[in-house]
Amino acid sequence: MHKLVFPSFDQWLKGLGIGLLVILAMTPLVRAQTQITTGTIQGTVTDTNGAIVPGASVEIKNLDTNLSRTLTTDDGGRFVALGLPPGPYSIKVAKQGFATSVADRLDLTVGQALNLPVAMKISGVEERVTITASPTVDTVKTESSSTLNETTVSTTPILGRKFEDLSLK
């Protein structure tokens, strides 16, 4: 005959404590797996003398999808566009009394924070200035990255079609 043995209250409480400790220890691991799939375009708008230009209109447009976002610079002349999908963008900055500044084609990649300093020329007439930006090199970070185009992603054999598995290839 088998005898059923139930744990004592102390043993039950100890088991519950260990279980909660394991769950709490795993919480940061779950949060760490969050993937960044967007980028940021930010910048500061100044005039040619270096003075800030608050209230300037900044239009950010994805050239592939025509997604457009319009922002206004704050009191410090800054603008920030968060959560932008990767791709080519054009940025147009305008304010009355200044020549319109345009950056025609800037490539934004996943996780990138593209910083765009804009110097606007004072103008009494309507004028357009084109900005040419080159990618900056971050000398502080030591990491390697590559950008995969849509064709590579769609033709790469991945179990379950999860984009996270591309990092293992």
Protein backbone atom coordinates (compact mmCIF):
# COMPACT_ATOMS: atom_id res chain seq x y z
CA MET A 1 0.00 0.00 0.00
CA HIS A 2 1.25 3.47 -0.92
CA LYS A 3 1.09 6.25 1.56
CA LEU A 4 0.50 9.80 0.28
CA VAL A 5 2.89 12.32 1.75
CA PHE A 6 1.99 15.97 1.54
CA PRO A 7 4.67 18.62 1.97
CA SER A 8 4.61 20.65 5.13
CA PHE A 9 3.63 24.30 5.00
CA ASP A 10 7.29 25.34 5.37
CA GLN A 11 8.33 23.15 2.44
CA TRP A 12 5.44 24.46 0.33
CA LEU A 13 6.35 28.08 1.18
CA LYS A 14 10.03 27.45 0.36
CA GLY A 15 9.07 25.96 -3.03
CA LEU A 16 6.83 28.94 -3.77
CA GLY A 17 9.64 31.36 -2.90
CA ILE A 18 12.10 29.60 -5.20
CA GLY A 19 9.53 29.59 -8.03
CA LEU A 20 8.93 33.34 -7.67
CA LEU A 21 12.67 33.98 -7.57
CA VAL A 22 13.15 32.08 -10.86
CA ILE A 23 10.30 34.01 -12.51
CA LEU A 24 11.70 37.37 -11.38
CA ALA A 25 15.18 36.40 -12.59
CA MET A 26 13.83 35.58 -16.07
CA THR A 27 11.87 38.84 -16.51
CA PRO A 28 14.89 40.90 -17.71
CA LEU A 29 15.78 38.17 -20.21
CA VAL A 30 12.36 38.38 -21.82
CA ARG A 31 12.59 42.16 -22.04
CA ALA A 32 16.11 41.95 -23.49
CA GLN A 33 14.77 40.03 -26.49
CA THR A 34 12.77 43.04 -27.70
CA GLN A 35 13.98 43.87 -31.21
CA ILE A 36 14.39 47.35 -32.63
CA THR A 37 12.91 47.50 -36.12
CA THR A 38 12.82 51.26 -36.68
CA GLY A 39 15.18 54.22 -36.80
CA THR A 40 15.26 57.87 -35.76
CA ILE A 41 15.96 61.08 -37.65
CA GLN A 42 16.88 64.04 -35.48
CA GLY A 43 18.65 67.32 -35.87
CA THR A 44 19.12 70.94 -34.92
CA VAL A 45 18.16 73.84 -37.17
CA THR A 46 20.34 76.95 -37.04
CA ASP A 47 20.96 79.96 -39.24
CA THR A 48 24.31 80.54 -40.98
CA ASN A 49 25.59 82.40 -37.88
CA GLY A 50 24.85 79.42 -35.62
CA ALA A 51 21.75 80.90 -33.93
CA ILE A 52 18.92 78.44 -33.30
CA VAL A 53 15.78 78.57 -35.45
CA PRO A 54 12.70 77.62 -33.41
CA GLY A 55 9.35 77.04 -35.12
CA ALA A 56 10.76 75.78 -38.42
CA SER A 57 8.65 73.22 -40.29
CA VAL A 58 10.42 69.90 -40.88
CA GLU A 59 8.87 67.46 -43.38
CA ILE A 60 10.32 63.92 -43.34
CA LYS A 61 9.22 61.70 -46.23
CA ASN A 62 10.02 58.04 -46.96
CA LEU A 63 10.79 57.89 -50.68
CA ASP A 64 9.73 54.21 -51.01
CA THR A 65 6.39 54.33 -49.17
CA ASN A 66 5.51 58.06 -49.29
CA LEU A 67 5.10 57.98 -45.49
CA SER A 68 5.31 61.61 -44.47
CA ARG A 69 5.72 63.19 -41.05
CA THR A 70 5.73 66.93 -40.38
CA LEU A 71 7.35 68.32 -37.23
CA THR A 72 8.09 71.76 -35.84
CA THR A 73 11.42 72.60 -34.22
CA ASP A 74 11.26 73.32 -30.47
CA ASP A 75 12.63 76.36 -28.63
CA GLY A 76 16.14 74.91 -28.96
CA GLY A 77 15.78 74.44 -32.74
CA ARG A 78 15.66 70.65 -32.33
CA PHE A 79 13.44 68.06 -34.00
CA VAL A 80 13.16 64.29 -33.43
CA ALA A 81 11.20 61.78 -35.54
CA LEU A 82 11.03 58.45 -33.70
CA GLY A 83 9.86 55.05 -34.96
CA LEU A 84 10.59 55.52 -38.66
CA PRO A 85 10.78 52.39 -40.83
CA PRO A 86 14.14 51.89 -42.57
CA GLY A 87 14.56 53.20 -46.10
CA PRO A 88 15.48 56.29 -48.10
CA TYR A 89 14.16 59.64 -46.80
CA SER A 90 14.03 63.22 -47.96
CA ILE A 91 13.92 66.01 -45.37
CA LYS A 92 12.67 69.52 -46.13
CA VAL A 93 13.09 72.34 -43.60
CA ALA A 94 11.27 75.63 -44.16
CA LYS A 95 10.55 78.83 -42.28
CA GLN A 96 9.46 82.25 -43.43
CA GLY A 97 12.45 84.55 -43.96
CA PHE A 98 14.79 81.64 -44.67
CA ALA A 99 15.69 79.65 -47.77
CA THR A 100 14.14 76.16 -47.78
CA SER A 101 16.75 73.47 -47.04
CA VAL A 102 16.36 70.00 -48.55
CA ALA A 103 18.24 66.76 -47.96
CA ASP A 104 17.27 64.70 -51.02
CA ARG A 105 18.19 61.11 -50.17
CA LEU A 106 19.28 59.90 -46.73
CA ASP A 107 19.32 56.16 -46.06
CA LEU A 108 17.99 55.18 -42.61
CA THR A 109 18.76 51.69 -41.33
CA VAL A 110 17.28 49.65 -38.47
CA GLY A 111 18.33 50.98 -35.06
CA GLN A 112 20.08 54.02 -36.54
CA ALA A 113 19.76 57.51 -35.08
CA LEU A 114 20.53 59.76 -38.04
CA ASN A 115 21.65 63.20 -36.85
CA LEU A 116 21.10 66.01 -39.36
CA PRO A 117 22.41 69.48 -38.55
CA VAL A 118 20.64 72.03 -40.77
CA ALA A 119 22.03 75.53 -41.37
CA MET A 120 19.37 77.75 -42.97
CA LYS A 121 20.32 80.76 -45.07
CA ILE A 122 18.46 84.00 -44.39
CA SER A 123 16.56 85.04 -47.50
CA GLY A 124 14.01 87.66 -48.39
CA VAL A 125 12.94 85.72 -51.47
CA GLU A 126 11.93 82.08 -51.91
CA GLU A 127 15.11 80.05 -52.28
CA ARG A 128 15.97 76.36 -51.99
CA VAL A 129 19.23 74.96 -50.58
CA THR A 130 20.10 71.27 -50.99
CA ILE A 131 21.83 69.55 -48.06
CA THR A 132 24.25 66.72 -48.74
CA ALA A 133 24.75 64.49 -45.70
CA SER A 134 27.35 61.81 -45.38
CA PRO A 135 27.09 59.01 -42.84
CA THR A 136 29.01 59.67 -39.64
CA VAL A 137 31.37 57.17 -38.09
CA ASP A 138 30.79 56.46 -34.41
CA THR A 139 34.28 55.99 -32.93
CA VAL A 140 32.92 55.01 -29.50
CA LYS A 141 30.97 51.89 -30.49
CA THR A 142 32.70 48.74 -31.69
CA GLU A 143 30.06 46.74 -33.48
CA SER A 144 29.47 45.32 -36.91
CA SER A 145 26.23 45.50 -38.83
CA SER A 146 24.85 44.92 -42.28
CA THR A 147 21.62 45.78 -44.00
CA LEU A 148 19.59 43.07 -45.68
CA ASN A 149 17.33 44.05 -48.56
CA GLU A 150 13.83 42.67 -49.06
CA THR A 151 14.95 40.11 -51.66
CA THR A 152 17.57 38.64 -49.33
CA VAL A 153 15.08 38.35 -46.49
CA SER A 154 12.41 36.71 -48.64
CA THR A 155 14.77 34.19 -50.27
CA THR A 156 16.76 33.16 -47.18
CA PRO A 157 15.48 29.87 -45.74
CA ILE A 158 14.41 30.60 -42.16
CA LEU A 159 12.53 28.20 -39.93
CA GLY A 160 9.27 29.89 -38.89
CA ARG A 161 10.00 33.06 -40.95
CA LYS A 162 11.17 34.99 -37.86
CA PHE A 163 13.44 37.89 -38.71
CA GLU A 164 15.42 37.32 -35.49
CA ASP A 165 16.79 34.10 -37.02
CA LEU A 166 18.53 36.13 -39.75
CA SER A 167 21.12 37.20 -37.17
CA LEU A 168 22.16 33.55 -36.79
CA LYS A 169 22.89 33.09 -40.53
